C-alpha atoms as a PDB file:
ATOM      1  CA  MET A   1     111.112  84.768  81.274  1.00  0.00           C
ATOM      2  CA  SER A   2     114.829  85.338  81.773  1.00  0.00           C
ATOM      3  CA  THR A   3     116.376  84.906  85.196  1.00  0.00           C
ATOM      4  CA  VAL A   4     117.295  88.203  86.854  1.00  0.00           C
ATOM      5  CA  TYR A   5     120.788  87.980  88.302  1.00  0.00           C
ATOM      6  CA  SER A   6     122.376  89.866  91.171  1.00  0.00           C
ATOM      7  CA  HIS A   7     125.950  90.244  92.350  1.00  0.00           C
ATOM      8  CA  SER A   8     125.164  87.817  95.182  1.00  0.00           C
ATOM      9  CA  ARG A   9     123.802  85.240  92.767  1.00  0.00           C
ATOM     10  CA  LEU A  10     126.875  85.509  90.528  1.00  0.00           C
ATOM     11  CA  SER A  11     129.317  85.412  93.452  1.00  0.00           C
ATOM     12  CA  SER A  12     127.606  82.385  94.962  1.00  0.00           C
ATOM     13  CA  PHE A  13     128.186  80.429  91.745  1.00  0.00           C
ATOM     14  CA  GLU A  14     131.845  81.467  91.647  1.00  0.00           C
ATOM     15  CA  GLN A  15     132.500  80.642  95.301  1.00  0.00           C
ATOM     16  CA  CYS A  16     130.669  77.317  95.559  1.00  0.00           C
ATOM     17  CA  LYS A  17     128.432  75.777  92.917  1.00  0.00           C
ATOM     18  CA  GLN A  18     126.828  73.516  95.511  1.00  0.00           C
ATOM     19  CA  LYS A  19     125.693  76.461  97.589  1.00  0.00           C
ATOM     20  CA  PHE A  20     124.408  78.122  94.417  1.00  0.00           C
ATOM     21  CA  GLU A  21     122.298  75.046  93.659  1.00  0.00           C
ATOM     22  CA  PHE A  22     120.925  74.871  97.200  1.00  0.00           C
ATOM     23  CA  ARG A  23     119.992  78.551  97.326  1.00  0.00           C
ATOM     24  CA  TYR A  24     118.936  79.470  93.813  1.00  0.00           C
ATOM     25  CA  LEU A  25     117.932  76.251  92.042  1.00  0.00           C
ATOM     26  CA  LEU A  26     116.566  74.092  94.833  1.00  0.00           C
ATOM     27  CA  GLU A  27     115.502  77.198  96.773  1.00  0.00           C
ATOM     28  CA  ILE A  28     116.152  75.543 100.126  1.00  0.00           C
ATOM     29  CA  PRO A  29     115.119  77.970 102.886  1.00  0.00           C
ATOM     30  CA  GLU A  30     117.858  79.377 105.085  1.00  0.00           C
ATOM     31  CA  GLU A  31     117.005  78.185 108.579  1.00  0.00           C
ATOM     32  CA  SER A  32     119.721  80.253 110.235  1.00  0.00           C
ATOM     33  CA  GLU A  33     121.721  83.416 109.697  1.00  0.00           C
ATOM     34  CA  GLY A  34     125.317  84.276 110.492  1.00  0.00           C
ATOM     35  CA  VAL A  35     125.690  86.931 113.162  1.00  0.00           C
ATOM     36  CA  GLU A  36     127.897  89.020 110.868  1.00  0.00           C
ATOM     37  CA  ALA A  37     125.104  89.277 108.300  1.00  0.00           C
ATOM     38  CA  PHE A  38     122.609  90.024 111.067  1.00  0.00           C
ATOM     39  CA  VAL A  39     124.699  92.930 112.366  1.00  0.00           C
ATOM     40  CA  GLY A  40     125.148  94.216 108.828  1.00  0.00           C
ATOM     41  CA  LYS A  41     121.392  94.322 108.258  1.00  0.00           C
ATOM     42  CA  ARG A  42     120.723  96.209 111.477  1.00  0.00           C
ATOM     43  CA  VAL A  43     123.457  98.766 110.720  1.00  0.00           C
ATOM     44  CA  HIS A  44     122.213  99.261 107.157  1.00  0.00           C
ATOM     45  CA  GLU A  45     118.690  99.836 108.437  1.00  0.00           C
ATOM     46  CA  ILE A  46     119.884 102.492 110.857  1.00  0.00           C
ATOM     47  CA  MET A  47     122.032 104.199 108.213  1.00  0.00           C
ATOM     48  CA  GLU A  48     119.048 104.390 105.874  1.00  0.00           C
ATOM     49  CA  ARG A  49     116.881 105.786 108.665  1.00  0.00           C
ATOM     50  CA  LEU A  50     119.575 108.321 109.590  1.00  0.00           C
ATOM     51  CA  TYR A  51     119.728 109.767 106.088  1.00  0.00           C
ATOM     52  CA  GLN A  52     115.946 109.837 105.862  1.00  0.00           C
ATOM     53  CA  PHE A  53     115.945 112.154 108.866  1.00  0.00           C
ATOM     54  CA  VAL A  54     118.805 114.164 107.398  1.00  0.00           C
ATOM     55  CA  GLY A  55     116.720 114.642 104.250  1.00  0.00           C
ATOM     56  CA  ARG A  56     114.008 116.229 106.404  1.00  0.00           C
ATOM     57  CA  ASP A  57     116.540 118.501 108.146  1.00  0.00           C
ATOM     58  CA  GLN A  58     116.071 116.536 111.356  1.00  0.00           C
ATOM     59  CA  VAL A  59     119.507 115.242 112.274  1.00  0.00           C
ATOM     60  CA  PRO A  60     119.120 112.923 115.281  1.00  0.00           C
ATOM     61  CA  SER A  61     121.683 112.863 118.054  1.00  0.00           C
ATOM     62  CA  LEU A  62     124.189 110.032 118.204  1.00  0.00           C
ATOM     63  CA  ARG A  63     122.505 108.853 121.396  1.00  0.00           C
ATOM     64  CA  ARG A  64     119.178 108.491 119.597  1.00  0.00           C
ATOM     65  CA  VAL A  65     120.823 106.684 116.681  1.00  0.00           C
ATOM     66  CA  LEU A  66     122.440 104.164 119.013  1.00  0.00           C
ATOM     67  CA  GLU A  67     119.270 103.704 121.041  1.00  0.00           C
ATOM     68  CA  ARG A  68     117.378 102.869 117.857  1.00  0.00           C
ATOM     69  CA  TYR A  69     120.095 100.442 116.749  1.00  0.00           C
ATOM     70  CA  GLU A  70     120.168  98.657 120.091  1.00  0.00           C
ATOM     71  CA  ALA A  71     116.379  98.374 120.143  1.00  0.00           C
ATOM     72  CA  GLU A  72     116.344  96.903 116.620  1.00  0.00           C
ATOM     73  CA  PHE A  73     119.169  94.504 117.476  1.00  0.00           C
ATOM     74  CA  ASP A  74     117.421  93.238 120.599  1.00  0.00           C
ATOM     75  CA  GLU A  75     114.034  92.942 118.895  1.00  0.00           C
ATOM     76  CA  HIS A  76     115.272  90.867 115.973  1.00  0.00           C
ATOM     77  CA  TYR A  77     117.964  88.784 117.672  1.00  0.00           C
ATOM     78  CA  ASP A  78     116.954  85.132 117.983  1.00  0.00           C
ATOM     79  CA  ALA A  79     119.598  83.018 119.704  1.00  0.00           C
ATOM     80  CA  GLU A  80     118.211  79.840 118.128  1.00  0.00           C
ATOM     81  CA  ARG A  81     118.447  81.231 114.598  1.00  0.00           C
ATOM     82  CA  ILE A  82     121.543  83.463 114.681  1.00  0.00           C
ATOM     83  CA  ARG A  83     124.807  81.539 114.258  1.00  0.00           C
ATOM     84  CA  ILE A  84     127.993  82.697 115.993  1.00  0.00           C
ATOM     85  CA  VAL A  85     130.869  80.786 114.404  1.00  0.00           C
ATOM     86  CA  ARG A  86     133.750  82.444 116.223  1.00  0.00           C
ATOM     87  CA  SER A  87     133.423  81.011 119.725  1.00  0.00           C
ATOM     88  CA  GLU A  88     135.692  83.656 121.248  1.00  0.00           C
ATOM     89  CA  PHE A  89     132.972  86.259 120.632  1.00  0.00           C
ATOM     90  CA  ASP A  90     129.455  86.450 122.051  1.00  0.00           C
ATOM     91  CA  ARG A  91     126.228  88.323 121.388  1.00  0.00           C
ATOM     92  CA  ALA A  92     127.382  91.371 123.344  1.00  0.00           C
ATOM     93  CA  HIS A  93     130.525  91.639 121.211  1.00  0.00           C
ATOM     94  CA  TYR A  94     128.547  91.802 117.980  1.00  0.00           C
ATOM     95  CA  ARG A  95     125.996  94.198 119.452  1.00  0.00           C
ATOM     96  CA  SER A  96     128.862  96.523 120.363  1.00  0.00           C
ATOM     97  CA  LEU A  97     130.461  96.063 116.949  1.00  0.00           C
ATOM     98  CA  GLY A  98     127.419  97.517 115.212  1.00  0.00           C
ATOM     99  CA  ALA A  99     127.266 100.408 117.671  1.00  0.00           C
ATOM    100  CA  ASP A 100     130.950 101.167 117.079  1.00  0.00           C
ATOM    101  CA  CYS A 101     130.413 101.182 113.308  1.00  0.00           C
ATOM    102  CA  LEU A 102     127.599 103.699 113.607  1.00  0.00           C
ATOM    103  CA  SER A 103     129.480 105.861 116.111  1.00  0.00           C
ATOM    104  CA  ARG A 104     132.561 106.155 113.908  1.00  0.00           C
ATOM    105  CA  PHE A 105     130.538 107.093 110.859  1.00  0.00           C
ATOM    106  CA  TYR A 106     128.370 109.559 112.753  1.00  0.00           C
ATOM    107  CA  ARG A 107     131.293 111.410 114.320  1.00  0.00           C
ATOM    108  CA  ARG A 108     133.149 111.579 111.008  1.00  0.00           C
ATOM    109  CA  TYR A 109     130.294 112.919 108.859  1.00  0.00           C
ATOM    110  CA  TYR A 110     128.111 114.907 111.260  1.00  0.00           C
ATOM    111  CA  PRO A 111     126.117 117.056 110.388  1.00  0.00           C
ATOM    112  CA  PHE A 112     125.828 115.091 107.102  1.00  0.00           C
ATOM    113  CA  ASP A 113     125.740 118.114 104.832  1.00  0.00           C
ATOM    114  CA  GLN A 114     128.780 117.256 102.710  1.00  0.00           C
ATOM    115  CA  ASP A 115     126.753 115.957  99.756  1.00  0.00           C
ATOM    116  CA  GLU A 116     123.243 115.570  98.314  1.00  0.00           C
ATOM    117  CA  THR A 117     121.411 112.272  98.728  1.00  0.00           C
ATOM    118  CA  LEU A 118     119.869 111.027  95.479  1.00  0.00           C
ATOM    119  CA  GLY A 119     118.703 107.631  96.668  1.00  0.00           C
ATOM    120  CA  LEU A 120     118.659 105.282  99.663  1.00  0.00           C
ATOM    121  CA  GLU A 121     118.488 101.515  99.234  1.00  0.00           C
ATOM    122  CA  LYS A 122     117.992 102.346  95.580  1.00  0.00           C
ATOM    123  CA  HIS A 123     116.831  99.430  93.450  1.00  0.00           C
ATOM    124  CA  VAL A 124     118.444  99.103  90.033  1.00  0.00           C
ATOM    125  CA  HIS A 125     117.183  96.666  87.404  1.00  0.00           C
ATOM    126  CA  PHE A 126     118.700  96.802  83.951  1.00  0.00           C
ATOM    127  CA  ASN A 127     119.725  94.795  80.901  1.00  0.00           C
ATOM    128  CA  LEU A 128     123.288  94.061  79.906  1.00  0.00           C
ATOM    129  CA  ASP A 129     122.202  93.477  76.303  1.00  0.00           C
ATOM    130  CA  SER A 130     119.696  95.007  73.911  1.00  0.00           C
ATOM    131  CA  ASP A 131     117.400  91.958  73.942  1.00  0.00           C
ATOM    132  CA  GLY A 132     116.823  91.748  77.688  1.00  0.00           C
ATOM    133  CA  ARG A 133     118.244  88.241  77.979  1.00  0.00           C
ATOM    134  CA  TYR A 134     120.904  89.270  80.494  1.00  0.00           C
ATOM    135  CA  GLN A 135     119.225  91.093  83.370  1.00  0.00           C
ATOM    136  CA  ILE A 136     120.836  92.434  86.536  1.00  0.00           C
ATOM    137  CA  GLN A 137     119.331  93.871  89.695  1.00  0.00           C
ATOM    138  CA  GLY A 138     120.648  95.149  92.979  1.00  0.00           C
ATOM    139  CA  PHE A 139     120.125  97.548  95.857  1.00  0.00           C
ATOM    140  CA  ILE A 140     122.529 100.453  96.358  1.00  0.00           C
ATOM    141  CA  ASP A 141     123.008 101.544  99.967  1.00  0.00           C
ATOM    142  CA  ARG A 142     123.208 105.224  99.050  1.00  0.00           C
ATOM    143  CA  VAL A 143     123.547 107.313  95.893  1.00  0.00           C
ATOM    144  CA  CYS A 144     124.643 110.923  96.310  1.00  0.00           C
ATOM    145  CA  ARG A 145     126.107 113.874  94.461  1.00  0.00           C
ATOM    146  CA  ALA A 146     129.455 114.880  95.932  1.00  0.00           C
ATOM    147  CA  PRO A 147     130.633 118.512  96.230  1.00  0.00           C
ATOM    148  CA  ASP A 148     132.665 118.121  93.026  1.00  0.00           C
ATOM    149  CA  GLY A 149     129.499 117.171  91.130  1.00  0.00           C
ATOM    150  CA  VAL A 150     130.375 113.488  90.763  1.00  0.00           C
ATOM    151  CA  ILE A 151     127.681 110.920  91.514  1.00  0.00           C
ATOM    152  CA  GLU A 152     128.858 108.511  94.212  1.00  0.00           C
ATOM    153  CA  ILE A 153     127.678 104.925  94.552  1.00  0.00           C
ATOM    154  CA  GLN A 154     128.186 104.239  98.241  1.00  0.00           C
ATOM    155  CA  ASP A 155     128.339 100.904 100.017  1.00  0.00           C
ATOM    156  CA  TYR A 156     128.567 100.198 103.767  1.00  0.00           C
ATOM    157  CA  LYS A 157     130.699  97.349 105.069  1.00  0.00           C
ATOM    158  CA  THR A 158     130.644  96.208 108.706  1.00  0.00           C
ATOM    159  CA  GLY A 159     133.393  93.599 108.443  1.00  0.00           C
ATOM    160  CA  LYS A 160     136.914  94.449 109.567  1.00  0.00           C
ATOM    161  CA  TRP A 161     138.632  93.295 106.378  1.00  0.00           C
ATOM    162  CA  VAL A 162     139.595  96.097 103.987  1.00  0.00           C
ATOM    163  CA  PRO A 163     140.490  94.923 100.443  1.00  0.00           C
ATOM    164  CA  SER A 164     143.592  96.071  98.616  1.00  0.00           C
ATOM    165  CA  ARG A 165     143.543  98.793  95.974  1.00  0.00           C
ATOM    166  CA  LYS A 166     143.872  96.148  93.252  1.00  0.00           C
ATOM    167  CA  GLN A 167     140.865  94.244  94.594  1.00  0.00           C
ATOM    168  CA  LEU A 168     138.708  97.351  94.783  1.00  0.00           C
ATOM    169  CA  ASP A 169     139.670  98.420  91.274  1.00  0.00           C
ATOM    170  CA  SER A 170     138.358  95.087  89.995  1.00  0.00           C
ATOM    171  CA  ASP A 171     135.254  94.955  92.222  1.00  0.00           C
ATOM    172  CA  ARG A 172     132.211  93.887  90.242  1.00  0.00           C
ATOM    173  CA  GLN A 173     129.293  94.822  92.486  1.00  0.00           C
ATOM    174  CA  LEU A 174     129.441  98.616  92.510  1.00  0.00           C
ATOM    175  CA  ALA A 175     130.666  98.723  88.914  1.00  0.00           C
ATOM    176  CA  LEU A 176     127.545  96.793  87.871  1.00  0.00           C
ATOM    177  CA  TYR A 177     125.486  99.343  89.748  1.00  0.00           C
ATOM    178  CA  GLN A 178     127.245 102.060  87.760  1.00  0.00           C
ATOM    179  CA  LEU A 179     126.090 100.371  84.559  1.00  0.00           C
ATOM    180  CA  GLY A 180     122.542 100.476  85.889  1.00  0.00           C
ATOM    181  CA  LEU A 181     122.696 104.091  87.030  1.00  0.00           C
ATOM    182  CA  SER A 182     124.194 105.142  83.710  1.00  0.00           C
ATOM    183  CA  GLU A 183     120.854 104.363  82.114  1.00  0.00           C
ATOM    184  CA  GLU A 184     119.194 106.814  84.491  1.00  0.00           C
ATOM    185  CA  PHE A 185     121.776 109.597  84.628  1.00  0.00           C
ATOM    186  CA  GLY A 186     123.475 109.126  81.252  1.00  0.00           C
ATOM    187  CA  ARG A 187     126.656 107.321  80.244  1.00  0.00           C
ATOM    188  CA  ASN A 188     128.668 110.520  80.268  1.00  0.00           C
ATOM    189  CA  GLU A 189     127.780 111.334  83.878  1.00  0.00           C
ATOM    190  CA  PRO A 190     130.949 110.988  86.000  1.00  0.00           C
ATOM    191  CA  MET A 191     130.577 108.467  88.818  1.00  0.00           C
ATOM    192  CA  ARG A 192     132.697 107.270  91.708  1.00  0.00           C
ATOM    193  CA  LEU A 193     132.529 104.014  93.649  1.00  0.00           C
ATOM    194  CA  VAL A 194     132.791 104.471  97.418  1.00  0.00           C
ATOM    195  CA  TRP A 195     133.120 101.881 100.178  1.00  0.00           C
ATOM    196  CA  HIS A 196     132.710 102.828 103.838  1.00  0.00           C
ATOM    197  CA  TYR A 197     134.493 100.281 106.029  1.00  0.00           C
ATOM    198  CA  LEU A 198     132.638 101.212 109.171  1.00  0.00           C
ATOM    199  CA  ALA A 199     134.428  98.907 111.620  1.00  0.00           C
ATOM    200  CA  ARG A 200     137.758 100.444 110.603  1.00  0.00           C
ATOM    201  CA  GLY A 201     136.541 103.985 110.135  1.00  0.00           C
ATOM    202  CA  GLN A 202     138.038 103.975 106.638  1.00  0.00           C
ATOM    203  CA  THR A 203     136.740 104.982 103.222  1.00  0.00           C
ATOM    204  CA  ARG A 204     137.994 103.706  99.865  1.00  0.00           C
ATOM    205  CA  THR A 205     137.127 104.942  96.361  1.00  0.00           C
ATOM    206  CA  SER A 206     137.575 103.724  92.803  1.00  0.00           C
ATOM    207  CA  THR A 207     136.492 104.732  89.300  1.00  0.00           C
ATOM    208  CA  ARG A 208     135.846 102.875  86.049  1.00  0.00           C
ATOM    209  CA  THR A 209     136.585 103.918  82.474  1.00  0.00           C
ATOM    210  CA  PRO A 210     134.006 103.313  79.711  1.00  0.00           C
ATOM    211  CA  GLN A 211     136.290 100.562  78.411  1.00  0.00           C
ATOM    212  CA  GLN A 212     136.381  98.842  81.796  1.00  0.00           C
ATOM    213  CA  LEU A 213     132.602  99.005  82.086  1.00  0.00           C
ATOM    214  CA  GLU A 214     132.182  97.496  78.640  1.00  0.00           C
ATOM    215  CA  GLN A 215     134.582  94.708  79.551  1.00  0.00           C
ATOM    216  CA  LEU A 216     132.594  94.104  82.741  1.00  0.00           C
ATOM    217  CA  ARG A 217     129.407  93.900  80.691  1.00  0.00           C
ATOM    218  CA  GLU A 218     130.924  91.251  78.407  1.00  0.00           C
ATOM    219  CA  GLU A 219     132.458  89.267  81.270  1.00  0.00           C
ATOM    220  CA  THR A 220     129.186  89.243  83.205  1.00  0.00           C
ATOM    221  CA  MET A 221     127.209  88.004  80.218  1.00  0.00           C
ATOM    222  CA  ALA A 222     129.796  85.263  79.692  1.00  0.00           C
ATOM    223  CA  LEU A 223     129.472  84.243  83.357  1.00  0.00           C
ATOM    224  CA  ILE A 224     125.686  84.074  83.024  1.00  0.00           C
ATOM    225  CA  ASP A 225     126.097  81.861  79.949  1.00  0.00           C
ATOM    226  CA  GLN A 226     128.347  79.583  81.991  1.00  0.00           C
ATOM    227  CA  ILE A 227     125.827  79.409  84.829  1.00  0.00           C
ATOM    228  CA  GLU A 228     122.939  78.562  82.545  1.00  0.00           C
ATOM    229  CA  THR A 229     124.800  75.752  80.810  1.00  0.00           C
ATOM    230  CA  THR A 230     126.166  74.182  84.007  1.00  0.00           C
ATOM    231  CA  GLU A 231     124.725  70.787  84.863  1.00  0.00           C
ATOM    232  CA  LYS A 232     126.838  69.709  87.824  1.00  0.00           C
ATOM    233  CA  PHE A 233     127.232  71.732  91.016  1.00  0.00           C
ATOM    234  CA  PRO A 234     130.076  70.316  93.116  1.00  0.00           C
ATOM    235  CA  ALA A 235     130.943  71.724  96.513  1.00  0.00           C
ATOM    236  CA  ARG A 236     134.115  73.734  96.932  1.00  0.00           C
ATOM    237  CA  LYS A 237     135.615  73.607 100.395  1.00  0.00           C
ATOM    238  CA  SER A 238     137.036  76.805 101.854  1.00  0.00           C
ATOM    239  CA  ASN A 239     137.184  78.759 105.106  1.00  0.00           C
ATOM    240  CA  LEU A 240     133.795  80.208 104.176  1.00  0.00           C
ATOM    241  CA  CYS A 241     132.183  76.807 104.755  1.00  0.00           C
ATOM    242  CA  ASN A 242     132.050  77.487 108.496  1.00  0.00           C
ATOM    243  CA  TRP A 243     129.665  80.357 107.791  1.00  0.00           C
ATOM    244  CA  CYS A 244     127.527  78.491 105.259  1.00  0.00           C
ATOM    245  CA  GLU A 245     123.918  77.920 106.264  1.00  0.00           C
ATOM    246  CA  TYR A 246     123.851  74.704 104.203  1.00  0.00           C
ATOM    247  CA  LYS A 247     126.886  73.013 105.757  1.00  0.00           C
ATOM    248  CA  GLU A 248     124.829  70.370 107.556  1.00  0.00           C
ATOM    249  CA  ILE A 249     123.307  69.070 104.315  1.00  0.00           C
ATOM    250  CA  CYS A 250     126.407  69.536 102.155  1.00  0.00           C
ATOM    251  CA  PRO A 251     127.839  66.286 100.707  1.00  0.00           C
ATOM    252  CA  ALA A 252     131.373  67.651 101.240  1.00  0.00           C
ATOM    253  CA  PHE A 253     130.733  67.346 104.989  1.00  0.00           C
ATOM    254  CA  GLY A 254     128.806  64.079 104.906  1.00  0.00           C
ATOM    255  CA  GLY A 255     125.403  65.705 104.605  1.00  0.00           C
ATOM    256  CA  GLN A 256     122.443  64.462 102.601  1.00  0.00           C
ATOM    257  CA  PRO A 257     120.891  67.135 100.364  1.00  0.00           C
ATOM    258  CA  PRO A 258     117.244  66.821  99.313  1.00  0.00           C
ATOM    259  CA  HIS A 259     116.402  65.725  95.798  1.00  0.00           C
ATOM    260  CA  ARG A 260     115.092  68.371  93.451  1.00  0.00           C
ATOM    261  CA  SER A 261     111.692  66.665  93.410  1.00  0.00           C
ATOM    262  CA  GLU A 262     111.488  67.133  97.182  1.00  0.00           C
ATOM    263  CA  THR A 263     111.983  70.889  97.048  1.00  0.00           C
ATOM    264  CA  GLY A 264     109.373  71.790  94.474  1.00  0.00           C
ATOM    265  CA  GLN A 265     112.149  73.302  92.375  1.00  0.00           C
ATOM    266  CA  LYS A 266     111.087  75.875  89.800  1.00  0.00           C
ATOM    267  CA  PRO A 267     112.679  75.945  86.353  1.00  0.00           C
ATOM    268  CA  ALA A 268     115.831  78.070  86.398  1.00  0.00           C
ATOM    269  CA  SER A 269     114.258  80.593  84.020  1.00  0.00           C
ATOM    270  CA  VAL A 270     111.472  81.484  86.461  1.00  0.00           C
ATOM    271  CA  GLN A 271     112.236  84.530  88.555  1.00  0.00           C
ATOM    272  CA  ALA A 272     111.377  84.142  92.221  1.00  0.00           C
ATOM    273  CA  PRO A 273     110.621  87.133  94.470  1.00  0.00           C
ATOM    274  CA  VAL A 274     113.627  89.132  95.616  1.00  0.00           C
ATOM    275  CA  SER A 275     115.182  87.464  98.644  1.00  0.00           C
ATOM    276  CA  VAL A 276     117.489  88.835 101.285  1.00  0.00           C
ATOM    277  CA  ALA A 277     120.416  87.245  99.483  1.00  0.00           C
ATOM    278  CA  GLU A 278     119.500  89.077  96.269  1.00  0.00           C
ATOM    279  CA  ARG A 279     119.682  92.470  97.960  1.00  0.00           C
ATOM    280  CA  SER A 280     123.464  92.541  98.024  1.00  0.00           C
END
C-alpha cells in the first residue's frame, strides 16, 4: 500500500529530516504540545461549531462563542503537557489570544450570510497520478461558495505572522487542496485560496492557473520520490527547534534517539491512522 502524504508530512521533511524520521518513520509519540498549536486547535473547533450553528440558522451571540471557547480551553489545558516557549507570555496571554481571534472574526463577518458553506473540516483524499502511487490527503477548514460564484478554500491562522504576497502565491497547502476539490467540482470550476489571519484581523487571497496546478502536481510527486529514496535523516538547526517536541532526544542538541527496533517501526509504505499532525 502506498503511503498517503499530507502537507504537514511534506513540510516536515523539507524543514528537518530528523524530525520527519522521528514523527513519521519511527512514529515516536509526541509527549507535549506547543501552546500555539493548542490555541489553534481550540479556535478551529469553535469556528467549525460556529458555522454549524449558522447552517441551522442559529447564529450564537459573541458572548456564547467566547464562553464556549474559554470552557474548551480550560478543559483541555494541561500545564504539564502544554509547552510555552516564550517565557514573556503565560497561559492567560494565550487564552486571551484565542478569544481575540474569535472576536475579530465574529465582528467582521456577523451575521455570516456573505457566502454558502459547502464543507467544514472537509477531508480530501486524492491521487496526483493515474496509478494511485502518489496520494495526498488533508482537512480544509472551510469550503464555501462566494457571492461571485467562486468556490473558496478557506484556512484559519492564529499566528501573528502574515506572509508576503509572493509567499502566498507559492503556497502549497491550499493549492494541493484545490487539486483535490477539482476532482469533486470539476477542473473548470473557478476557485480561490483564502487565508484568515485571525490575530491580525486580515484576510489574504490567491489564485492558481491550470499551468501552476500542473507544475505543483509534478513538483509534489518529485518531492515524494525524494522522500522515499532518502536513507539518512540529519537534523537541521533553526529557530523552529525551540518549538520542536523532539528537541530533548535530537542528536543536534546532545540527545539520544531510540533505535528503530525500539519503536516498533512500521515499513514506510504502511499507512498509519490519521494523526493530529496529518490534519494540517
